[in-house]
C-alpha atoms as a PDB file:
ATOM      1  CA  MET A   1     129.145 137.764 262.752  1.00  0.00           C
ATOM      2  CA  GLY A   2     128.710 134.184 261.583  1.00  0.00           C
ATOM      3  CA  CYS A   3     126.989 135.282 258.383  1.00  0.00           C
ATOM      4  CA  SER A   4     129.555 137.972 257.652  1.00  0.00           C
ATOM      5  CA  GLY A   5     132.372 135.436 257.932  1.00  0.00           C
ATOM      6  CA  SER A   6     130.602 133.075 255.566  1.00  0.00           C
ATOM      7  CA  ARG A   7     130.250 135.766 252.871  1.00  0.00           C
ATOM      8  CA  THR A   8     133.956 136.570 253.201  1.00  0.00           C
ATOM      9  CA  CYS A   9     134.895 132.916 252.706  1.00  0.00           C
ATOM     10  CA  LEU A  10     132.633 132.596 249.671  1.00  0.00           C
ATOM     11  CA  GLY A  11     134.162 135.715 248.078  1.00  0.00           C
ATOM     12  CA  ALA A  12     137.684 134.429 248.619  1.00  0.00           C
ATOM     13  CA  SER A  13     136.709 131.045 247.183  1.00  0.00           C
ATOM     14  CA  CYS A  14     135.219 132.660 244.051  1.00  0.00           C
ATOM     15  CA  ALA A  15     138.323 134.823 243.602  1.00  0.00           C
ATOM     16  CA  ALA A  16     140.547 131.750 243.906  1.00  0.00           C
ATOM     17  CA  GLU A  17     138.479 129.872 241.339  1.00  0.00           C
ATOM     18  CA  THR A  18     138.623 132.866 238.976  1.00  0.00           C
ATOM     19  CA  ARG A  19     142.397 133.044 239.341  1.00  0.00           C
ATOM     20  CA  ASP A  20     142.698 129.316 238.689  1.00  0.00           C
ATOM     21  CA  GLU A  21     140.534 129.622 235.582  1.00  0.00           C
ATOM     22  CA  ALA A  22     142.567 132.584 234.373  1.00  0.00           C
ATOM     23  CA  THR A  23     145.767 130.650 235.036  1.00  0.00           C
ATOM     24  CA  LYS A  24     144.450 127.694 233.046  1.00  0.00           C
ATOM     25  CA  GLN A  25     143.455 129.980 230.166  1.00  0.00           C
ATOM     26  CA  CYS A  26     146.865 131.664 230.262  1.00  0.00           C
ATOM     27  CA  ARG A  27     148.560 128.266 230.186  1.00  0.00           C
ATOM     28  CA  LYS A  28     146.347 127.133 227.329  1.00  0.00           C
ATOM     29  CA  LEU A  29     147.002 130.325 225.381  1.00  0.00           C
ATOM     30  CA  SER A  30     150.736 130.000 226.061  1.00  0.00           C
ATOM     31  CA  GLU A  31     150.689 126.451 224.679  1.00  0.00           C
ATOM     32  CA  GLU A  32     148.725 127.619 221.647  1.00  0.00           C
ATOM     33  CA  MET A  33     151.186 130.469 221.154  1.00  0.00           C
ATOM     34  CA  VAL A  34     154.110 128.020 221.289  1.00  0.00           C
ATOM     35  CA  GLY A  35     152.346 125.847 218.695  1.00  0.00           C
ATOM     36  CA  LEU A  36     151.732 128.847 216.441  1.00  0.00           C
ATOM     37  CA  GLN A  37     155.344 129.899 216.787  1.00  0.00           C
ATOM     38  CA  GLY A  38     156.395 126.403 215.705  1.00  0.00           C
ATOM     39  CA  GLU A  39     154.068 126.592 212.700  1.00  0.00           C
ATOM     40  CA  LEU A  40     155.477 130.022 211.849  1.00  0.00           C
ATOM     41  CA  VAL A  41     159.043 128.688 211.963  1.00  0.00           C
ATOM     42  CA  CYS A  42     158.059 125.751 209.709  1.00  0.00           C
ATOM     43  CA  SER A  43     156.330 128.124 207.305  1.00  0.00           C
ATOM     44  CA  VAL A  44     159.377 130.401 207.116  1.00  0.00           C
ATOM     45  CA  ARG A  45     161.674 127.412 206.556  1.00  0.00           C
ATOM     46  CA  SER A  46     159.394 126.091 203.807  1.00  0.00           C
ATOM     47  CA  SER A  47     159.367 129.499 202.148  1.00  0.00           C
ATOM     48  CA  GLU A  48     163.164 129.716 202.292  1.00  0.00           C
ATOM     49  CA  ARG A  49     163.508 126.187 200.944  1.00  0.00           C
ATOM     50  CA  LEU A  50     161.157 126.906 198.038  1.00  0.00           C
ATOM     51  CA  GLN A  51     163.040 130.119 197.294  1.00  0.00           C
ATOM     52  CA  LYS A  52     166.324 128.188 197.237  1.00  0.00           C
ATOM     53  CA  GLU A  53     164.836 125.458 195.007  1.00  0.00           C
ATOM     54  CA  ARG A  54     163.481 128.092 192.624  1.00  0.00           C
ATOM     55  CA  ASP A  55     166.889 129.770 192.372  1.00  0.00           C
ATOM     56  CA  GLU A  56     168.623 126.427 191.828  1.00  0.00           C
ATOM     57  CA  LEU A  57     166.100 125.391 189.159  1.00  0.00           C
ATOM     58  CA  ARG A  58     166.405 128.724 187.392  1.00  0.00           C
ATOM     59  CA  ALA A  59     170.208 128.416 187.393  1.00  0.00           C
ATOM     60  CA  ALA A  60     169.990 124.848 186.047  1.00  0.00           C
ATOM     61  CA  LEU A  61     167.553 125.843 183.296  1.00  0.00           C
ATOM     62  CA  GLU A  62     169.668 128.838 182.309  1.00  0.00           C
ATOM     63  CA  GLU A  63     172.746 126.620 182.179  1.00  0.00           C
ATOM     64  CA  ALA A  64     170.886 124.055 180.033  1.00  0.00           C
ATOM     65  CA  LEU A  65     169.688 126.855 177.759  1.00  0.00           C
ATOM     66  CA  GLN A  66     173.252 128.148 177.371  1.00  0.00           C
ATOM     67  CA  GLU A  67     174.557 124.662 176.622  1.00  0.00           C
ATOM     68  CA  LEU A  68     171.826 124.125 174.030  1.00  0.00           C
ATOM     69  CA  GLN A  69     172.633 127.429 172.331  1.00  0.00           C
ATOM     70  CA  GLU A  70     176.337 126.574 172.279  1.00  0.00           C
ATOM     71  CA  GLN A  71     175.582 123.132 170.853  1.00  0.00           C
ATOM     72  CA  HIS A  72     173.325 124.708 168.244  1.00  0.00           C
ATOM     73  CA  GLN A  73     176.083 127.100 167.168  1.00  0.00           C
ATOM     74  CA  LYS A  74     178.553 124.241 167.081  1.00  0.00           C
ATOM     75  CA  ASP A  75     176.212 122.107 164.926  1.00  0.00           C
ATOM     76  CA  VAL A  76     175.643 124.993 162.519  1.00  0.00           C
ATOM     77  CA  ALA A  77     179.382 125.584 162.216  1.00  0.00           C
ATOM     78  CA  GLU A  78     179.998 121.868 161.589  1.00  0.00           C
ATOM     79  CA  LEU A  79     177.291 121.765 158.908  1.00  0.00           C
ATOM     80  CA  GLU A  80     178.770 124.806 157.203  1.00  0.00           C
ATOM     81  CA  GLN A  81     182.226 123.207 157.225  1.00  0.00           C
ATOM     82  CA  ARG A  82     180.837 119.965 155.843  1.00  0.00           C
ATOM     83  CA  LEU A  83     178.963 121.855 153.135  1.00  0.00           C
ATOM     84  CA  GLN A  84     182.086 123.791 152.159  1.00  0.00           C
ATOM     85  CA  ALA A  85     184.187 120.617 152.127  1.00  0.00           C
ATOM     86  CA  TYR A  86     181.560 118.866 150.008  1.00  0.00           C
ATOM     87  CA  TYR A  87     181.466 121.718 147.502  1.00  0.00           C
ATOM     88  CA  GLN A  88     185.266 121.697 147.274  1.00  0.00           C
ATOM     89  CA  ALA A  89     185.381 117.940 146.745  1.00  0.00           C
ATOM     90  CA  GLU A  90     182.661 118.119 144.101  1.00  0.00           C
ATOM     91  CA  ARG A  91     184.463 120.929 142.284  1.00  0.00           C
ATOM     92  CA  GLU A  92     187.645 118.853 142.246  1.00  0.00           C
ATOM     93  CA  LYS A  93     185.765 115.808 140.981  1.00  0.00           C
ATOM     94  CA  VAL A  94     184.157 117.835 138.221  1.00  0.00           C
ATOM     95  CA  HIS A  95     187.494 119.355 137.302  1.00  0.00           C
ATOM     96  CA  VAL A  96     189.160 115.934 137.083  1.00  0.00           C
ATOM     97  CA  ALA A  97     186.267 114.471 135.129  1.00  0.00           C
ATOM     98  CA  TYR A  98     186.201 117.444 132.818  1.00  0.00           C
ATOM     99  CA  GLN A  99     189.953 117.276 132.248  1.00  0.00           C
ATOM    100  CA  GLU A 100     189.752 113.594 131.436  1.00  0.00           C
ATOM    101  CA  GLU A 101     186.947 114.183 128.988  1.00  0.00           C
ATOM    102  CA  ALA A 102     188.840 117.111 127.507  1.00  0.00           C
ATOM    103  CA  ASP A 103     191.913 114.966 126.943  1.00  0.00           C
ATOM    104  CA  LYS A 104     189.827 112.306 125.275  1.00  0.00           C
ATOM    105  CA  CYS A 105     188.111 114.852 123.149  1.00  0.00           C
ATOM    106  CA  LYS A 106     191.438 116.423 122.198  1.00  0.00           C
ATOM    107  CA  THR A 107     192.639 113.074 120.826  1.00  0.00           C
ATOM    108  CA  LEU A 108     189.399 112.608 118.944  1.00  0.00           C
ATOM    109  CA  MET A 109     189.466 116.204 117.728  1.00  0.00           C
ATOM    110  CA  GLU A 110     192.801 115.563 116.069  1.00  0.00           C
ATOM    111  CA  GLN A 111     191.096 112.887 114.028  1.00  0.00           C
ATOM    112  CA  GLN A 112     187.698 114.461 113.482  1.00  0.00           C
ATOM    113  CA  MET A 113     187.979 118.107 114.591  1.00  0.00           C
ATOM    114  CA  VAL A 114     184.891 119.416 112.922  1.00  0.00           C
ATOM    115  CA  GLU A 115     182.558 116.578 113.858  1.00  0.00           C
ATOM    116  CA  LEU A 116     183.690 116.188 117.444  1.00  0.00           C
ATOM    117  CA  LYS A 117     183.750 119.913 118.264  1.00  0.00           C
ATOM    118  CA  ALA A 118     179.973 120.126 118.428  1.00  0.00           C
ATOM    119  CA  SER A 119     179.792 116.811 120.307  1.00  0.00           C
ATOM    120  CA  HIS A 120     182.382 118.021 122.790  1.00  0.00           C
ATOM    121  CA  GLU A 121     180.558 121.260 123.486  1.00  0.00           C
ATOM    122  CA  ALA A 122     177.282 119.389 123.883  1.00  0.00           C
ATOM    123  CA  MET A 123     178.878 116.923 126.308  1.00  0.00           C
ATOM    124  CA  LYS A 124     180.478 119.744 128.265  1.00  0.00           C
ATOM    125  CA  LEU A 125     177.198 121.553 128.651  1.00  0.00           C
ATOM    126  CA  GLN A 126     175.463 118.338 129.580  1.00  0.00           C
ATOM    127  CA  LEU A 127     178.033 117.531 132.282  1.00  0.00           C
ATOM    128  CA  GLU A 128     177.917 121.057 133.667  1.00  0.00           C
ATOM    129  CA  ALA A 129     174.129 121.022 133.728  1.00  0.00           C
ATOM    130  CA  LYS A 130     174.049 117.610 135.382  1.00  0.00           C
ATOM    131  CA  HIS A 131     176.633 118.632 137.949  1.00  0.00           C
ATOM    132  CA  ALA A 132     174.811 121.899 138.634  1.00  0.00           C
ATOM    133  CA  GLU A 133     171.610 119.954 139.122  1.00  0.00           C
ATOM    134  CA  GLN A 134     173.308 117.520 141.491  1.00  0.00           C
ATOM    135  CA  LEU A 135     174.933 120.331 143.422  1.00  0.00           C
ATOM    136  CA  GLN A 136     171.630 122.175 143.691  1.00  0.00           C
ATOM    137  CA  ARG A 137     169.863 119.043 144.886  1.00  0.00           C
ATOM    138  CA  VAL A 138     172.533 118.297 147.501  1.00  0.00           C
ATOM    139  CA  LYS A 139     172.613 121.942 148.548  1.00  0.00           C
ATOM    140  CA  GLN A 140     168.847 121.937 149.008  1.00  0.00           C
ATOM    141  CA  GLN A 141     169.023 118.731 151.043  1.00  0.00           C
ATOM    142  CA  LEU A 142     171.690 120.215 153.302  1.00  0.00           C
ATOM    143  CA  LEU A 143     169.744 123.447 153.641  1.00  0.00           C
ATOM    144  CA  ASP A 144     166.603 121.481 154.530  1.00  0.00           C
ATOM    145  CA  SER A 145     168.557 119.492 157.117  1.00  0.00           C
ATOM    146  CA  LEU A 146     170.022 122.689 158.521  1.00  0.00           C
ATOM    147  CA  GLN A 147     166.585 124.319 158.710  1.00  0.00           C
ATOM    148  CA  GLU A 148     165.130 121.227 160.363  1.00  0.00           C
ATOM    149  CA  LEU A 149     167.942 121.274 162.930  1.00  0.00           C
ATOM    150  CA  ARG A 150     167.316 124.966 163.571  1.00  0.00           C
ATOM    151  CA  ASN A 151     163.598 124.313 164.009  1.00  0.00           C
ATOM    152  CA  VAL A 152     164.315 121.530 166.503  1.00  0.00           C
ATOM    153  CA  HIS A 153     166.685 123.763 168.443  1.00  0.00           C
ATOM    154  CA  ASN A 154     164.160 126.598 168.403  1.00  0.00           C
ATOM    155  CA  GLN A 155     161.449 124.275 169.706  1.00  0.00           C
ATOM    156  CA  GLU A 156     163.748 123.058 172.459  1.00  0.00           C
ATOM    157  CA  LEU A 157     164.638 126.640 173.363  1.00  0.00           C
ATOM    158  CA  GLN A 158     160.965 127.616 173.450  1.00  0.00           C
ATOM    159  CA  PHE A 159     160.130 124.579 175.591  1.00  0.00           C
ATOM    160  CA  LEU A 160     162.909 125.368 178.058  1.00  0.00           C
ATOM    161  CA  ASP A 161     161.856 129.012 178.182  1.00  0.00           C
ATOM    162  CA  LYS A 162     158.212 128.037 178.806  1.00  0.00           C
ATOM    163  CA  THR A 163     159.276 125.524 181.464  1.00  0.00           C
ATOM    164  CA  LEU A 164     161.351 128.203 183.194  1.00  0.00           C
ATOM    165  CA  LYS A 165     158.488 130.693 183.132  1.00  0.00           C
ATOM    166  CA  ASP A 166     155.919 128.125 184.331  1.00  0.00           C
ATOM    167  CA  THR A 167     158.234 127.046 187.143  1.00  0.00           C
ATOM    168  CA  GLU A 168     158.815 130.641 188.199  1.00  0.00           C
ATOM    169  CA  VAL A 169     155.067 131.309 188.228  1.00  0.00           C
ATOM    170  CA  THR A 170     154.396 128.173 190.294  1.00  0.00           C
ATOM    171  CA  LEU A 171     157.140 128.929 192.772  1.00  0.00           C
ATOM    172  CA  SER A 172     156.038 132.570 193.023  1.00  0.00           C
ATOM    173  CA  GLU A 173     152.481 131.468 193.755  1.00  0.00           C
ATOM    174  CA  GLN A 174     153.712 129.048 196.426  1.00  0.00           C
ATOM    175  CA  ILE A 175     155.885 131.730 198.008  1.00  0.00           C
ATOM    176  CA  GLN A 176     152.982 134.176 197.939  1.00  0.00           C
ATOM    177  CA  GLN A 177     150.707 131.586 199.573  1.00  0.00           C
ATOM    178  CA  LEU A 178     153.307 130.879 202.242  1.00  0.00           C
ATOM    179  CA  THR A 179     153.678 134.613 202.832  1.00  0.00           C
ATOM    180  CA  VAL A 180     149.927 134.948 203.323  1.00  0.00           C
ATOM    181  CA  GLU A 181     149.940 131.995 205.709  1.00  0.00           C
ATOM    182  CA  LYS A 182     152.903 133.460 207.587  1.00  0.00           C
ATOM    183  CA  ASN A 183     151.139 136.820 207.934  1.00  0.00           C
ATOM    184  CA  ALA A 184     147.971 135.079 209.121  1.00  0.00           C
ATOM    185  CA  LEU A 185     149.957 133.101 211.678  1.00  0.00           C
ATOM    186  CA  MET A 186     151.679 136.257 212.872  1.00  0.00           C
ATOM    187  CA  GLU A 187     148.328 138.023 213.233  1.00  0.00           C
ATOM    188  CA  LYS A 188     146.901 135.047 215.120  1.00  0.00           C
ATOM    189  CA  LEU A 189     150.012 134.966 217.282  1.00  0.00           C
ATOM    190  CA  ALA A 190     149.573 138.655 218.059  1.00  0.00           C
ATOM    191  CA  GLU A 191     145.922 138.069 218.956  1.00  0.00           C
ATOM    192  CA  VAL A 192     146.884 135.205 221.250  1.00  0.00           C
ATOM    193  CA  GLU A 193     149.573 137.342 222.863  1.00  0.00           C
ATOM    194  CA  GLU A 194     147.089 140.154 223.376  1.00  0.00           C
ATOM    195  CA  SER A 195     144.550 137.750 224.889  1.00  0.00           C
ATOM    196  CA  ARG A 196     147.230 136.351 227.170  1.00  0.00           C
ATOM    197  CA  LYS A 197     148.180 139.844 228.327  1.00  0.00           C
ATOM    198  CA  GLN A 198     144.556 140.739 228.999  1.00  0.00           C
ATOM    199  CA  LEU A 199     144.022 137.571 231.007  1.00  0.00           C
ATOM    200  CA  ALA A 200     147.233 138.204 232.922  1.00  0.00           C
ATOM    201  CA  GLU A 201     146.120 141.753 233.727  1.00  0.00           C
ATOM    202  CA  LYS A 202     142.682 140.488 234.712  1.00  0.00           C
ATOM    203  CA  SER A 203     144.281 137.848 236.944  1.00  0.00           C
ATOM    204  CA  GLN A 204     146.431 140.489 238.641  1.00  0.00           C
ATOM    205  CA  VAL A 205     143.382 142.684 239.266  1.00  0.00           C
ATOM    206  CA  LEU A 206     141.556 139.758 240.837  1.00  0.00           C
END
C-alpha cells in the first residue's frame, strides 16, 4: 500500500511538470508568434510605403518629362520665330541698301551710262553674293544651335527615361524582396501556430 501510493504521487508529479513545461513552451511560442506578427505588420507597411514612394516618384518623373518636352517645343518655336524675324530684317536691310545703291547708280548712269552699267551689275552681283553668304553662314549657325539644343534635350530625355526605368527596377526588386520576406514570415507564423496547437493538444491529453 505504501509503495503503491508513492508511485501514484510520482506519476502525478511528472504529469504536473510536463504540463508546466508545455505551458511554458506554449507561452514562449505565443510570444514568438506575437513578435512574428509584429514583424509581418512592419514588413507590409514597408512594402506599402515603398509602393507609394515608387508611384510618387514615377508621377514626378513623368511630370518633369512632360515639362521638359513642353519647354523643348517652346524653345524650338522661339528659335523658328527668331530665325524668321532675322531673315525678314535682313531682307529689308538688303532691299534698302540695294535701293540706295540703285539710286546712286542711276545718277551716275545719267552721266556715264555705258561705263557704269557694267560696274553696277558687278556691284549688284557682289552684294547679292555677299548677302547670300552672310545669310547662309547665319542660317548654319542657327541650325547648329538648334541641333545642339535638340541634342541636349534628347540627352536629358534619355537620362530621365533611364532614371525612371532604373528606379522602377530598384523599387520592384525591393517590393519582391519584401514579398518574399512576408511569405517567409507567414510560413514561420503558420509553423509556430501549428506547434502551439500541437503542444496545446498534448497538454490537454496529459
